[in-house]
């Protein structure tokens, strides 16, 4: 099956690390393109290109404020990604629980060895 274009699919849009950086920068609230350029240290045309993709998939909203465009995060399109990742959370939790148990056993063994060696 052919991969969906990044401009039509939130999964593919957020697969690009710089777009995730832009979304992270917008978590705190609205920002202009100029703000994003300064925060991310990226060239303005690149930030604008990524914002266009994020806007097309609905991950950011834009409004005009004088001569500037102000962008804000729209988290709703992230819900399918969240729901998909949530399916793996139980597996991760189980693995971390097992790791915690192994680490606790190692810690207890080390403490016993320290006591026996004294």
C-alpha atoms as a PDB file:
ATOM      1  CA  UNK A   1       0.000   0.000   0.000  1.00  0.00           C
ATOM      2  CA  UNK A   2       1.347   3.425  -0.919  1.00  0.00           C
ATOM      3  CA  UNK A   3       2.304   5.784   1.852  1.00  0.00           C
ATOM      4  CA  UNK A   4      -0.008   8.749   2.354  1.00  0.00           C
ATOM      5  CA  UNK A   5       1.352  12.156   1.536  1.00  0.00           C
ATOM      6  CA  UNK A   6       2.602  14.065   4.573  1.00  0.00           C
ATOM      7  CA  UNK A   7       0.118  16.792   3.823  1.00  0.00           C
ATOM      8  CA  UNK A   8      -2.877  14.506   4.377  1.00  0.00           C
ATOM      9  CA  UNK A   9      -1.832  12.422   7.361  1.00  0.00           C
ATOM     10  CA  UNK A  10      -0.926  13.568  10.884  1.00  0.00           C
ATOM     11  CA  UNK A  11       1.174  10.412  11.459  1.00  0.00           C
ATOM     12  CA  UNK A  12       3.430  11.216   8.528  1.00  0.00           C
ATOM     13  CA  UNK A  13       3.457  14.934   9.267  1.00  0.00           C
ATOM     14  CA  UNK A  14       4.813  14.398  12.791  1.00  0.00           C
ATOM     15  CA  UNK A  15       7.319  11.817  11.571  1.00  0.00           C
ATOM     16  CA  UNK A  16       9.539  14.746  10.549  1.00  0.00           C
ATOM     17  CA  UNK A  17      11.635  15.824  13.572  1.00  0.00           C
ATOM     18  CA  UNK A  18      11.530  19.546  12.782  1.00  0.00           C
ATOM     19  CA  UNK A  19       7.741  19.484  12.674  1.00  0.00           C
ATOM     20  CA  UNK A  20       7.709  17.866  16.101  1.00  0.00           C
ATOM     21  CA  UNK A  21      10.019  20.652  17.304  1.00  0.00           C
ATOM     22  CA  UNK A  22       7.540  23.218  16.001  1.00  0.00           C
ATOM     23  CA  UNK A  23       4.666  21.463  17.768  1.00  0.00           C
ATOM     24  CA  UNK A  24       6.743  21.348  20.964  1.00  0.00           C
ATOM     25  CA  UNK A  25       7.407  25.083  20.667  1.00  0.00           C
ATOM     26  CA  UNK A  26       3.678  25.726  20.306  1.00  0.00           C
ATOM     27  CA  UNK A  27       2.717  23.766  23.424  1.00  0.00           C
ATOM     28  CA  UNK A  28       3.294  26.889  25.514  1.00  0.00           C
ATOM     29  CA  UNK A  29       0.958  28.997  23.428  1.00  0.00           C
ATOM     30  CA  UNK A  30       0.728  31.010  20.265  1.00  0.00           C
ATOM     31  CA  UNK A  31       3.836  32.091  18.380  1.00  0.00           C
ATOM     32  CA  UNK A  32       4.602  34.044  15.251  1.00  0.00           C
ATOM     33  CA  UNK A  33       6.815  32.657  12.514  1.00  0.00           C
ATOM     34  CA  UNK A  34       9.525  35.060  13.695  1.00  0.00           C
ATOM     35  CA  UNK A  35       9.284  33.635  17.225  1.00  0.00           C
ATOM     36  CA  UNK A  36       9.538  30.085  15.907  1.00  0.00           C
ATOM     37  CA  UNK A  37      12.550  30.958  13.750  1.00  0.00           C
ATOM     38  CA  UNK A  38      14.314  32.404  16.808  1.00  0.00           C
ATOM     39  CA  UNK A  39      13.388  29.540  19.139  1.00  0.00           C
ATOM     40  CA  UNK A  40      14.271  26.779  16.691  1.00  0.00           C
ATOM     41  CA  UNK A  41      17.263  28.409  15.025  1.00  0.00           C
ATOM     42  CA  UNK A  42      15.988  27.421  11.596  1.00  0.00           C
ATOM     43  CA  UNK A  43      15.707  29.537   8.439  1.00  0.00           C
ATOM     44  CA  UNK A  44      12.349  31.265   8.002  1.00  0.00           C
ATOM     45  CA  UNK A  45      11.517  29.540   4.675  1.00  0.00           C
ATOM     46  CA  UNK A  46      12.037  26.124   6.287  1.00  0.00           C
ATOM     47  CA  UNK A  47       9.827  26.987   9.273  1.00  0.00           C
ATOM     48  CA  UNK A  48       7.137  28.314   6.934  1.00  0.00           C
ATOM     49  CA  UNK A  49       7.300  25.145   4.829  1.00  0.00           C
ATOM     50  CA  UNK A  50       6.818  22.930   7.866  1.00  0.00           C
ATOM     51  CA  UNK A  51       4.046  25.154   9.220  1.00  0.00           C
ATOM     52  CA  UNK A  52       2.227  24.796   5.904  1.00  0.00           C
ATOM     53  CA  UNK A  53       2.290  21.002   6.218  1.00  0.00           C
ATOM     54  CA  UNK A  54       1.173  21.142   9.852  1.00  0.00           C
ATOM     55  CA  UNK A  55      -1.620  23.540   8.919  1.00  0.00           C
ATOM     56  CA  UNK A  56      -2.794  21.321   6.052  1.00  0.00           C
ATOM     57  CA  UNK A  57      -3.192  18.313   8.364  1.00  0.00           C
ATOM     58  CA  UNK A  58      -4.883  20.490  10.973  1.00  0.00           C
ATOM     59  CA  UNK A  59      -2.182  20.268  13.650  1.00  0.00           C
ATOM     60  CA  UNK A  60      -1.796  24.038  13.807  1.00  0.00           C
ATOM     61  CA  UNK A  61      -4.232  26.880  13.352  1.00  0.00           C
ATOM     62  CA  UNK A  62      -3.221  30.301  12.084  1.00  0.00           C
ATOM     63  CA  UNK A  63      -4.686  33.745  12.469  1.00  0.00           C
ATOM     64  CA  UNK A  64      -3.673  37.099  11.080  1.00  0.00           C
ATOM     65  CA  UNK A  65      -2.514  39.751  13.524  1.00  0.00           C
ATOM     66  CA  UNK A  66      -1.630  42.847  11.593  1.00  0.00           C
ATOM     67  CA  UNK A  67       1.084  41.826   9.156  1.00  0.00           C
ATOM     68  CA  UNK A  68       2.032  38.699  11.087  1.00  0.00           C
ATOM     69  CA  UNK A  69       0.626  35.219  11.181  1.00  0.00           C
ATOM     70  CA  UNK A  70       0.195  33.740  14.624  1.00  0.00           C
ATOM     71  CA  UNK A  71       0.210  29.964  14.968  1.00  0.00           C
ATOM     72  CA  UNK A  72      -1.228  27.806  17.713  1.00  0.00           C
ATOM     73  CA  UNK A  73      -1.313  24.096  18.351  1.00  0.00           C
ATOM     74  CA  UNK A  74      -4.475  22.163  17.579  1.00  0.00           C
ATOM     75  CA  UNK A  75      -4.133  18.913  19.504  1.00  0.00           C
ATOM     76  CA  UNK A  76      -7.274  17.238  18.171  1.00  0.00           C
ATOM     77  CA  UNK A  77      -5.556  15.622  15.138  1.00  0.00           C
ATOM     78  CA  UNK A  78      -2.991  14.117  17.551  1.00  0.00           C
ATOM     79  CA  UNK A  79      -5.671  11.950  19.198  1.00  0.00           C
ATOM     80  CA  UNK A  80      -5.402   9.072  16.694  1.00  0.00           C
ATOM     81  CA  UNK A  81      -1.627   9.040  17.293  1.00  0.00           C
ATOM     82  CA  UNK A  82      -2.184   9.070  21.051  1.00  0.00           C
ATOM     83  CA  UNK A  83      -4.734   6.249  20.795  1.00  0.00           C
ATOM     84  CA  UNK A  84      -2.385   4.156  18.680  1.00  0.00           C
ATOM     85  CA  UNK A  85       0.585   4.666  21.011  1.00  0.00           C
ATOM     86  CA  UNK A  86      -1.617   3.970  24.035  1.00  0.00           C
ATOM     87  CA  UNK A  87      -2.020   0.401  22.759  1.00  0.00           C
ATOM     88  CA  UNK A  88       1.676  -0.126  23.468  1.00  0.00           C
ATOM     89  CA  UNK A  89       1.633   1.461  26.918  1.00  0.00           C
ATOM     90  CA  UNK A  90       0.664  -1.788  28.677  1.00  0.00           C
ATOM     91  CA  UNK A  91       3.597  -3.593  27.072  1.00  0.00           C
ATOM     92  CA  UNK A  92       5.995  -0.814  28.087  1.00  0.00           C
ATOM     93  CA  UNK A  93       4.625  -0.780  31.621  1.00  0.00           C
ATOM     94  CA  UNK A  94       5.048  -4.544  31.953  1.00  0.00           C
ATOM     95  CA  UNK A  95       8.616  -4.359  30.692  1.00  0.00           C
ATOM     96  CA  UNK A  96       9.486  -1.507  33.038  1.00  0.00           C
ATOM     97  CA  UNK A  97       7.924  -3.421  35.935  1.00  0.00           C
ATOM     98  CA  UNK A  98      10.102  -6.445  35.097  1.00  0.00           C
ATOM     99  CA  UNK A  99      13.161  -4.229  34.807  1.00  0.00           C
ATOM    100  CA  UNK A 100      12.369  -2.669  38.196  1.00  0.00           C
ATOM    101  CA  UNK A 101      12.156  -6.161  39.715  1.00  0.00           C
ATOM    102  CA  UNK A 102      15.519  -7.186  38.233  1.00  0.00           C
ATOM    103  CA  UNK A 103      17.152  -3.969  39.417  1.00  0.00           C
ATOM    104  CA  UNK A 104      15.745  -4.480  42.914  1.00  0.00           C
ATOM    105  CA  UNK A 105      17.121  -8.045  42.975  1.00  0.00           C
ATOM    106  CA  UNK A 106      20.551  -6.786  41.894  1.00  0.00           C
ATOM    107  CA  UNK A 107      20.457  -4.092  44.565  1.00  0.00           C
ATOM    108  CA  UNK A 108      19.570  -6.648  47.243  1.00  0.00           C
ATOM    109  CA  UNK A 109      22.351  -8.970  46.053  1.00  0.00           C
ATOM    110  CA  UNK A 110      24.844  -6.111  46.190  1.00  0.00           C
ATOM    111  CA  UNK A 111      23.730  -5.190  49.703  1.00  0.00           C
ATOM    112  CA  UNK A 112      24.058  -8.824  50.836  1.00  0.00           C
ATOM    113  CA  UNK A 113      27.536  -9.038  49.299  1.00  0.00           C
ATOM    114  CA  UNK A 114      28.537  -5.793  51.044  1.00  0.00           C
ATOM    115  CA  UNK A 115      27.286  -7.140  54.403  1.00  0.00           C
ATOM    116  CA  UNK A 116      28.970 -10.521  53.898  1.00  0.00           C
ATOM    117  CA  UNK A 117      32.226  -8.876  52.869  1.00  0.00           C
ATOM    118  CA  UNK A 118      32.426  -6.663  55.958  1.00  0.00           C
END
